[in-house]
N, C-alpha and C. Protein backbone atom coordinates (compact mmCIF):
# COMPACT_ATOMS: atom_id res chain seq x y z
N MET A 1 44.23 9.65 133.37
CA MET A 1 44.62 10.04 134.71
C MET A 1 45.62 9.00 135.19
N ASP A 2 46.65 9.51 135.87
CA ASP A 2 47.68 8.64 136.41
C ASP A 2 47.11 7.94 137.64
N PRO A 3 47.07 6.60 137.65
CA PRO A 3 46.44 5.90 138.77
C PRO A 3 47.18 6.08 140.09
N GLN A 4 48.48 6.33 140.09
CA GLN A 4 49.23 6.46 141.35
C GLN A 4 49.03 7.84 141.99
N THR A 5 49.08 8.87 141.21
CA THR A 5 48.97 10.22 141.77
C THR A 5 47.54 10.76 141.69
N ARG A 6 46.72 10.07 140.91
CA ARG A 6 45.34 10.48 140.69
C ARG A 6 45.26 11.92 140.15
N GLN A 7 46.27 12.26 139.34
CA GLN A 7 46.29 13.56 138.67
C GLN A 7 46.30 13.34 137.18
N PRO A 8 45.82 14.32 136.44
CA PRO A 8 45.80 14.15 134.99
C PRO A 8 47.21 14.08 134.42
N TYR A 9 47.32 13.42 133.28
CA TYR A 9 48.59 13.32 132.61
C TYR A 9 49.00 14.61 131.93
N GLY A 10 50.27 14.83 131.77
CA GLY A 10 50.89 15.80 130.90
C GLY A 10 50.40 17.23 131.00
N GLU A 11 49.68 17.67 129.93
CA GLU A 11 49.31 19.07 129.80
C GLU A 11 48.36 19.55 130.90
N TYR A 12 47.55 18.63 131.45
CA TYR A 12 46.66 19.03 132.51
C TYR A 12 47.45 19.40 133.76
N THR A 13 48.55 18.71 134.00
CA THR A 13 49.40 19.01 135.15
C THR A 13 50.03 20.38 134.98
N GLU A 14 50.47 20.68 133.76
CA GLU A 14 51.05 21.99 133.50
C GLU A 14 50.01 23.09 133.68
N ASP A 15 48.77 22.86 133.24
CA ASP A 15 47.70 23.84 133.40
C ASP A 15 47.42 24.07 134.88
N LYS A 16 47.47 22.98 135.65
CA LYS A 16 47.22 23.11 137.08
C LYS A 16 48.33 23.92 137.74
N ASN A 17 49.59 23.66 137.37
CA ASN A 17 50.72 24.43 137.91
C ASN A 17 50.62 25.90 137.51
N THR A 18 50.25 26.16 136.28
CA THR A 18 50.10 27.54 135.81
C THR A 18 48.97 28.22 136.57
N ALA A 19 47.88 27.52 136.77
CA ALA A 19 46.75 28.08 137.52
C ALA A 19 47.17 28.36 138.96
N GLN A 20 47.96 27.45 139.53
CA GLN A 20 48.43 27.66 140.91
C GLN A 20 49.33 28.89 140.97
N LYS A 21 50.22 29.07 140.00
CA LYS A 21 51.10 30.24 139.96
C LYS A 21 50.29 31.53 139.80
N VAL A 22 49.31 31.51 138.92
CA VAL A 22 48.45 32.67 138.71
C VAL A 22 47.69 32.99 140.00
N GLY A 23 47.16 31.96 140.64
CA GLY A 23 46.45 32.14 141.90
C GLY A 23 47.34 32.75 142.96
N ASP A 24 48.60 32.27 143.03
CA ASP A 24 49.55 32.83 144.00
C ASP A 24 49.84 34.30 143.70
N LYS A 25 49.98 34.63 142.43
CA LYS A 25 50.23 36.02 142.05
C LYS A 25 49.04 36.91 142.36
N VAL A 26 47.84 36.41 142.12
CA VAL A 26 46.64 37.17 142.43
C VAL A 26 46.54 37.40 143.94
N ALA A 27 46.84 36.36 144.72
CA ALA A 27 46.81 36.50 146.18
C ALA A 27 47.85 37.51 146.64
N GLN A 28 49.03 37.48 146.05
CA GLN A 28 50.08 38.43 146.40
C GLN A 28 49.65 39.86 146.03
N ALA A 29 49.04 40.02 144.86
CA ALA A 29 48.57 41.34 144.43
C ALA A 29 47.48 41.85 145.38
N ALA A 30 46.60 40.97 145.82
CA ALA A 30 45.55 41.36 146.75
C ALA A 30 46.16 41.78 148.09
N ASP A 31 47.18 41.04 148.55
CA ASP A 31 47.85 41.43 149.80
C ASP A 31 48.53 42.78 149.66
N ASP A 32 49.18 43.00 148.52
CA ASP A 32 49.83 44.29 148.27
C ASP A 32 48.79 45.43 148.24
N ALA A 33 47.66 45.18 147.60
CA ALA A 33 46.61 46.20 147.52
C ALA A 33 46.06 46.51 148.91
N ARG A 34 45.85 45.46 149.74
CA ARG A 34 45.37 45.69 151.10
C ARG A 34 46.38 46.51 151.90
N SER A 35 47.64 46.21 151.72
CA SER A 35 48.70 46.93 152.44
C SER A 35 48.72 48.39 152.01
N LYS A 36 48.66 48.65 150.71
CA LYS A 36 48.67 50.02 150.22
C LYS A 36 47.42 50.77 150.65
N THR A 37 46.28 50.11 150.63
CA THR A 37 45.03 50.73 151.07
C THR A 37 45.14 51.12 152.54
N SER A 38 45.70 50.23 153.33
CA SER A 38 45.88 50.53 154.75
C SER A 38 46.81 51.74 154.94
N GLU A 39 47.87 51.81 154.15
CA GLU A 39 48.79 52.95 154.23
C GLU A 39 48.08 54.24 153.84
N VAL A 40 47.28 54.19 152.77
CA VAL A 40 46.55 55.38 152.32
C VAL A 40 45.56 55.83 153.39
N ILE A 41 44.87 54.89 154.00
CA ILE A 41 43.90 55.23 155.05
C ILE A 41 44.61 55.84 156.24
N ASP A 42 45.74 55.26 156.64
CA ASP A 42 46.50 55.82 157.77
C ASP A 42 46.98 57.23 157.47
N THR A 43 47.46 57.45 156.25
CA THR A 43 47.92 58.79 155.85
C THR A 43 46.75 59.77 155.86
N ALA A 44 45.61 59.35 155.34
CA ALA A 44 44.43 60.22 155.32
C ALA A 44 43.99 60.56 156.74
N LYS A 45 44.03 59.59 157.63
CA LYS A 45 43.66 59.85 159.03
C LYS A 45 44.61 60.86 159.66
N MET A 46 45.90 60.72 159.39
CA MET A 46 46.87 61.67 159.95
C MET A 46 46.62 63.07 159.41
N LYS A 47 46.40 63.18 158.11
CA LYS A 47 46.17 64.49 157.51
C LYS A 47 44.87 65.11 158.02
N ALA A 48 43.84 64.31 158.19
CA ALA A 48 42.57 64.81 158.73
C ALA A 48 42.76 65.29 160.16
N GLY A 49 43.53 64.55 160.95
CA GLY A 49 43.82 64.97 162.32
C GLY A 49 44.59 66.28 162.36
N ASP A 50 45.57 66.41 161.47
CA ASP A 50 46.34 67.66 161.40
C ASP A 50 45.44 68.83 161.00
N ALA A 51 44.56 68.60 160.03
CA ALA A 51 43.64 69.66 159.59
C ALA A 51 42.69 70.05 160.72
N LEU A 52 42.24 69.06 161.46
CA LEU A 52 41.34 69.34 162.59
C LEU A 52 42.06 70.15 163.67
N ASP A 53 43.30 69.80 163.94
CA ASP A 53 44.09 70.56 164.92
C ASP A 53 44.30 72.00 164.45
N SER A 54 44.59 72.18 163.17
CA SER A 54 44.77 73.53 162.63
C SER A 54 43.47 74.33 162.73
N ALA A 55 42.36 73.69 162.43
CA ALA A 55 41.06 74.37 162.52
C ALA A 55 40.76 74.77 163.96
N ARG A 56 41.08 73.90 164.90
CA ARG A 56 40.85 74.22 166.32
C ARG A 56 41.72 75.41 166.74
N GLN A 57 42.96 75.43 166.30
CA GLN A 57 43.85 76.55 166.65
C GLN A 57 43.33 77.85 166.04
N ALA A 58 42.90 77.78 164.78
CA ALA A 58 42.37 78.98 164.12
C ALA A 58 41.11 79.48 164.82
N THR A 59 40.25 78.55 165.22
CA THR A 59 39.03 78.93 165.93
C THR A 59 39.36 79.59 167.26
N ALA A 60 40.32 79.02 167.98
CA ALA A 60 40.71 79.60 169.26
C ALA A 60 41.29 81.00 169.07
N THR A 61 42.11 81.17 168.05
CA THR A 61 42.69 82.49 167.77
C THR A 61 41.61 83.50 167.40
N ALA A 62 40.68 83.08 166.54
CA ALA A 62 39.58 83.98 166.15
C ALA A 62 38.71 84.34 167.35
N SER A 63 38.48 83.36 168.21
CA SER A 63 37.67 83.62 169.40
C SER A 63 38.38 84.61 170.33
N ASP A 64 39.69 84.44 170.48
CA ASP A 64 40.46 85.38 171.32
C ASP A 64 40.41 86.79 170.74
N LYS A 65 40.55 86.90 169.42
CA LYS A 65 40.50 88.22 168.79
C LYS A 65 39.11 88.84 168.94
N ALA A 66 38.08 88.03 168.77
CA ALA A 66 36.71 88.54 168.93
C ALA A 66 36.49 89.02 170.36
N THR A 67 37.00 88.28 171.32
CA THR A 67 36.87 88.69 172.72
C THR A 67 37.57 90.02 172.95
N ASP A 68 38.76 90.17 172.40
CA ASP A 68 39.50 91.44 172.54
C ASP A 68 38.74 92.60 171.90
N VAL A 69 38.20 92.38 170.71
CA VAL A 69 37.46 93.44 170.02
C VAL A 69 36.21 93.81 170.81
N MET A 70 35.51 92.80 171.31
CA MET A 70 34.31 93.07 172.10
C MET A 70 34.65 93.84 173.37
N SER A 71 35.73 93.48 174.02
CA SER A 71 36.13 94.17 175.25
C SER A 71 36.50 95.63 174.95
N THR A 72 37.21 95.85 173.87
CA THR A 72 37.58 97.21 173.48
C THR A 72 36.33 98.04 173.16
N ALA A 73 35.41 97.44 172.41
CA ALA A 73 34.16 98.15 172.09
C ALA A 73 33.39 98.45 173.37
N GLY A 74 33.38 97.53 174.31
CA GLY A 74 32.71 97.76 175.59
C GLY A 74 33.33 98.90 176.36
N ASP A 75 34.67 98.95 176.36
CA ASP A 75 35.37 100.07 177.03
C ASP A 75 34.97 101.40 176.40
N LYS A 76 34.95 101.45 175.07
CA LYS A 76 34.61 102.70 174.38
C LYS A 76 33.17 103.10 174.65
N MET A 77 32.28 102.13 174.71
CA MET A 77 30.87 102.45 175.00
C MET A 77 30.72 103.00 176.42
N THR A 78 31.45 102.41 177.35
CA THR A 78 31.39 102.88 178.74
C THR A 78 31.95 104.30 178.84
N THR A 79 33.05 104.56 178.15
CA THR A 79 33.64 105.89 178.13
C THR A 79 32.67 106.90 177.50
N LEU A 80 32.01 106.51 176.42
CA LEU A 80 31.04 107.38 175.77
C LEU A 80 29.87 107.67 176.72
N ALA A 81 29.44 106.68 177.48
CA ALA A 81 28.35 106.89 178.45
C ALA A 81 28.76 107.93 179.48
N GLN A 82 30.01 107.86 179.94
CA GLN A 82 30.49 108.85 180.92
C GLN A 82 30.53 110.25 180.30
N THR A 83 30.96 110.32 179.05
CA THR A 83 31.02 111.61 178.37
C THR A 83 29.62 112.19 178.21
N VAL A 84 28.66 111.36 177.85
CA VAL A 84 27.28 111.84 177.70
C VAL A 84 26.78 112.36 179.04
N ARG A 85 27.05 111.67 180.11
CA ARG A 85 26.59 112.12 181.44
C ARG A 85 27.20 113.47 181.82
N GLU A 86 28.49 113.64 181.47
CA GLU A 86 29.18 114.87 181.84
C GLU A 86 28.70 116.07 181.03
N LYS A 87 28.42 115.87 179.74
CA LYS A 87 28.15 117.01 178.86
C LYS A 87 26.67 117.23 178.58
N ALA A 88 25.82 116.30 178.90
CA ALA A 88 24.40 116.45 178.60
C ALA A 88 23.71 117.31 179.66
N PRO A 89 22.63 117.95 179.28
CA PRO A 89 21.88 118.72 180.28
C PRO A 89 21.31 117.79 181.34
N VAL A 90 21.12 118.34 182.52
CA VAL A 90 20.65 117.54 183.65
C VAL A 90 19.14 117.51 183.73
N GLU A 91 18.49 118.60 183.34
CA GLU A 91 17.04 118.70 183.50
C GLU A 91 16.33 118.70 182.16
N GLY A 92 15.02 118.49 182.21
CA GLY A 92 14.18 118.56 181.02
C GLY A 92 14.19 117.26 180.23
N ARG A 93 13.52 117.35 179.09
CA ARG A 93 13.40 116.17 178.21
C ARG A 93 14.76 115.75 177.68
N ALA A 94 15.61 116.69 177.31
CA ALA A 94 16.95 116.37 176.81
C ALA A 94 17.76 115.66 177.88
N GLY A 95 17.61 116.06 179.13
CA GLY A 95 18.31 115.40 180.23
C GLY A 95 17.85 113.97 180.41
N GLU A 96 16.55 113.74 180.27
CA GLU A 96 16.02 112.38 180.39
C GLU A 96 16.54 111.48 179.27
N VAL A 97 16.51 112.01 178.05
CA VAL A 97 17.00 111.24 176.90
C VAL A 97 18.50 110.94 177.07
N ALA A 98 19.27 111.93 177.49
CA ALA A 98 20.70 111.74 177.68
C ALA A 98 20.98 110.70 178.77
N TYR A 99 20.21 110.77 179.85
CA TYR A 99 20.38 109.82 180.95
C TYR A 99 20.07 108.40 180.47
N THR A 100 18.97 108.23 179.73
CA THR A 100 18.60 106.91 179.20
C THR A 100 19.66 106.39 178.23
N ALA A 101 20.15 107.28 177.36
CA ALA A 101 21.19 106.88 176.41
C ALA A 101 22.46 106.46 177.14
N ALA A 102 22.85 107.22 178.16
CA ALA A 102 24.06 106.89 178.91
C ALA A 102 23.91 105.56 179.63
N GLU A 103 22.74 105.33 180.23
CA GLU A 103 22.50 104.05 180.90
C GLU A 103 22.56 102.88 179.92
N THR A 104 21.94 103.06 178.76
CA THR A 104 21.94 102.00 177.75
C THR A 104 23.35 101.73 177.24
N LEU A 105 24.10 102.79 176.96
CA LEU A 105 25.49 102.62 176.53
C LEU A 105 26.32 101.90 177.58
N GLU A 106 26.13 102.28 178.83
CA GLU A 106 26.92 101.66 179.90
C GLU A 106 26.57 100.19 180.06
N ARG A 107 25.27 99.86 180.03
CA ARG A 107 24.87 98.45 180.13
C ARG A 107 25.43 97.64 178.96
N GLY A 108 25.33 98.19 177.75
CA GLY A 108 25.88 97.51 176.57
C GLY A 108 27.38 97.34 176.67
N GLY A 109 28.07 98.36 177.17
CA GLY A 109 29.53 98.28 177.33
C GLY A 109 29.93 97.20 178.32
N ARG A 110 29.22 97.15 179.46
CA ARG A 110 29.52 96.11 180.45
C ARG A 110 29.26 94.72 179.88
N TYR A 111 28.16 94.60 179.14
CA TYR A 111 27.83 93.30 178.53
C TYR A 111 28.95 92.85 177.59
N LEU A 112 29.41 93.75 176.73
CA LEU A 112 30.47 93.39 175.79
C LEU A 112 31.79 93.08 176.51
N GLN A 113 32.06 93.74 177.60
CA GLN A 113 33.29 93.46 178.34
C GLN A 113 33.25 92.11 179.04
N GLU A 114 32.08 91.71 179.49
CA GLU A 114 31.96 90.48 180.28
C GLU A 114 31.60 89.25 179.46
N ALA A 115 30.98 89.42 178.32
CA ALA A 115 30.47 88.29 177.54
C ALA A 115 31.57 87.66 176.70
N ASP A 116 31.38 86.39 176.38
CA ASP A 116 32.26 85.72 175.43
C ASP A 116 31.51 85.61 174.09
N PRO A 117 32.22 85.36 172.99
CA PRO A 117 31.57 85.35 171.67
C PRO A 117 30.41 84.36 171.57
N GLN A 118 30.53 83.20 172.19
CA GLN A 118 29.46 82.21 172.12
C GLN A 118 28.20 82.73 172.81
N MET A 119 28.37 83.41 173.93
CA MET A 119 27.23 83.97 174.65
C MET A 119 26.54 85.05 173.81
N VAL A 120 27.33 85.90 173.17
CA VAL A 120 26.78 86.95 172.31
C VAL A 120 26.02 86.32 171.14
N ARG A 121 26.60 85.29 170.55
CA ARG A 121 25.95 84.62 169.42
C ARG A 121 24.60 84.03 169.85
N THR A 122 24.58 83.37 170.99
CA THR A 122 23.34 82.79 171.50
C THR A 122 22.29 83.87 171.74
N ASP A 123 22.71 84.96 172.35
CA ASP A 123 21.77 86.07 172.62
C ASP A 123 21.24 86.67 171.32
N LEU A 124 22.13 86.86 170.33
CA LEU A 124 21.68 87.41 169.04
C LEU A 124 20.69 86.48 168.35
N GLU A 125 20.97 85.18 168.38
CA GLU A 125 20.04 84.23 167.77
C GLU A 125 18.67 84.31 168.44
N ARG A 126 18.65 84.41 169.75
CA ARG A 126 17.39 84.50 170.48
C ARG A 126 16.63 85.77 170.09
N ILE A 127 17.33 86.89 170.05
CA ILE A 127 16.69 88.16 169.70
C ILE A 127 16.15 88.13 168.27
N ILE A 128 16.93 87.58 167.35
CA ILE A 128 16.49 87.51 165.95
C ILE A 128 15.26 86.62 165.82
N ARG A 129 15.22 85.53 166.56
CA ARG A 129 14.04 84.65 166.51
C ARG A 129 12.81 85.35 167.09
N GLN A 130 13.01 86.14 168.13
CA GLN A 130 11.89 86.82 168.76
C GLN A 130 11.40 88.01 167.93
N HIS A 131 12.31 88.66 167.21
CA HIS A 131 11.97 89.86 166.44
C HIS A 131 12.53 89.77 165.03
N PRO A 132 12.00 88.89 164.19
CA PRO A 132 12.61 88.68 162.86
C PRO A 132 12.49 89.89 161.93
N ILE A 133 11.37 90.56 161.92
CA ILE A 133 11.19 91.70 161.00
C ILE A 133 12.09 92.85 161.40
N GLU A 134 12.10 93.17 162.69
CA GLU A 134 12.97 94.24 163.18
C GLU A 134 14.44 93.92 162.90
N SER A 135 14.81 92.65 163.08
CA SER A 135 16.20 92.23 162.83
C SER A 135 16.56 92.41 161.37
N MET A 136 15.63 92.05 160.49
CA MET A 136 15.87 92.21 159.06
C MET A 136 16.03 93.69 158.70
N LEU A 137 15.19 94.54 159.28
CA LEU A 137 15.28 95.97 158.99
C LEU A 137 16.60 96.55 159.51
N VAL A 138 17.03 96.14 160.69
CA VAL A 138 18.32 96.60 161.22
C VAL A 138 19.44 96.14 160.29
N GLY A 139 19.37 94.88 159.85
CA GLY A 139 20.40 94.37 158.93
C GLY A 139 20.44 95.15 157.62
N LEU A 140 19.25 95.46 157.07
CA LEU A 140 19.20 96.25 155.84
C LEU A 140 19.78 97.65 156.06
N GLY A 141 19.44 98.25 157.20
CA GLY A 141 19.97 99.59 157.50
C GLY A 141 21.48 99.57 157.63
N LEU A 142 22.00 98.59 158.34
CA LEU A 142 23.46 98.49 158.48
C LEU A 142 24.13 98.23 157.13
N GLY A 143 23.52 97.39 156.32
CA GLY A 143 24.06 97.14 154.98
C GLY A 143 24.08 98.39 154.14
N TYR A 144 23.02 99.18 154.22
CA TYR A 144 22.95 100.44 153.48
C TYR A 144 24.05 101.39 153.94
N LEU A 145 24.20 101.53 155.25
CA LEU A 145 25.23 102.43 155.78
C LEU A 145 26.63 101.96 155.39
N LEU A 146 26.87 100.65 155.46
CA LEU A 146 28.19 100.13 155.04
C LEU A 146 28.43 100.38 153.57
N ALA A 147 27.42 100.19 152.74
CA ALA A 147 27.56 100.42 151.31
C ALA A 147 27.90 101.88 151.01
N ARG A 148 27.21 102.78 151.70
CA ARG A 148 27.51 104.22 151.51
C ARG A 148 28.91 104.55 151.96
N THR A 149 29.33 103.95 153.08
CA THR A 149 30.67 104.22 153.60
C THR A 149 31.73 103.70 152.64
N MET A 150 31.50 102.53 152.07
CA MET A 150 32.48 101.91 151.16
C MET A 150 32.57 102.67 149.83
N ARG A 151 31.47 103.29 149.43
CA ARG A 151 31.43 103.98 148.15
C ARG A 151 32.25 105.26 148.20
N ARG A 152 32.39 105.85 149.33
CA ARG A 152 33.09 107.15 149.44
C ARG A 152 34.54 107.01 149.46
């Protein structure tokens, strides 16, 4: 060891310089990696935000379309209720059934015209929870009718 500098002689000094250079390169590579990682994270955040905005727009559009479809169906049900009232017999059992059907159609039509999709969904969930077997049978019946319609 050199008594003045208190450093090793010759080759040890070169090893120390080489180690220092390697250490500097490793530190530089780590800084570069951190920088690139930060860029990748920022890009991912931007893309996730864009995807979320697109999903929100699609949801709003679907909700608007569902509201329009529900309102149209409500109008048709109300019109059908008026037609039933006009053409059905007034007296007897047939008159009672026609009156009940017209009232039910009209109430359903008003509900569809006034409700929003979230309200309808909440109401359907409540009904299905209260009447699970009946709901399953209605679903099976509708599935059967759709299958027959699609087959023709």
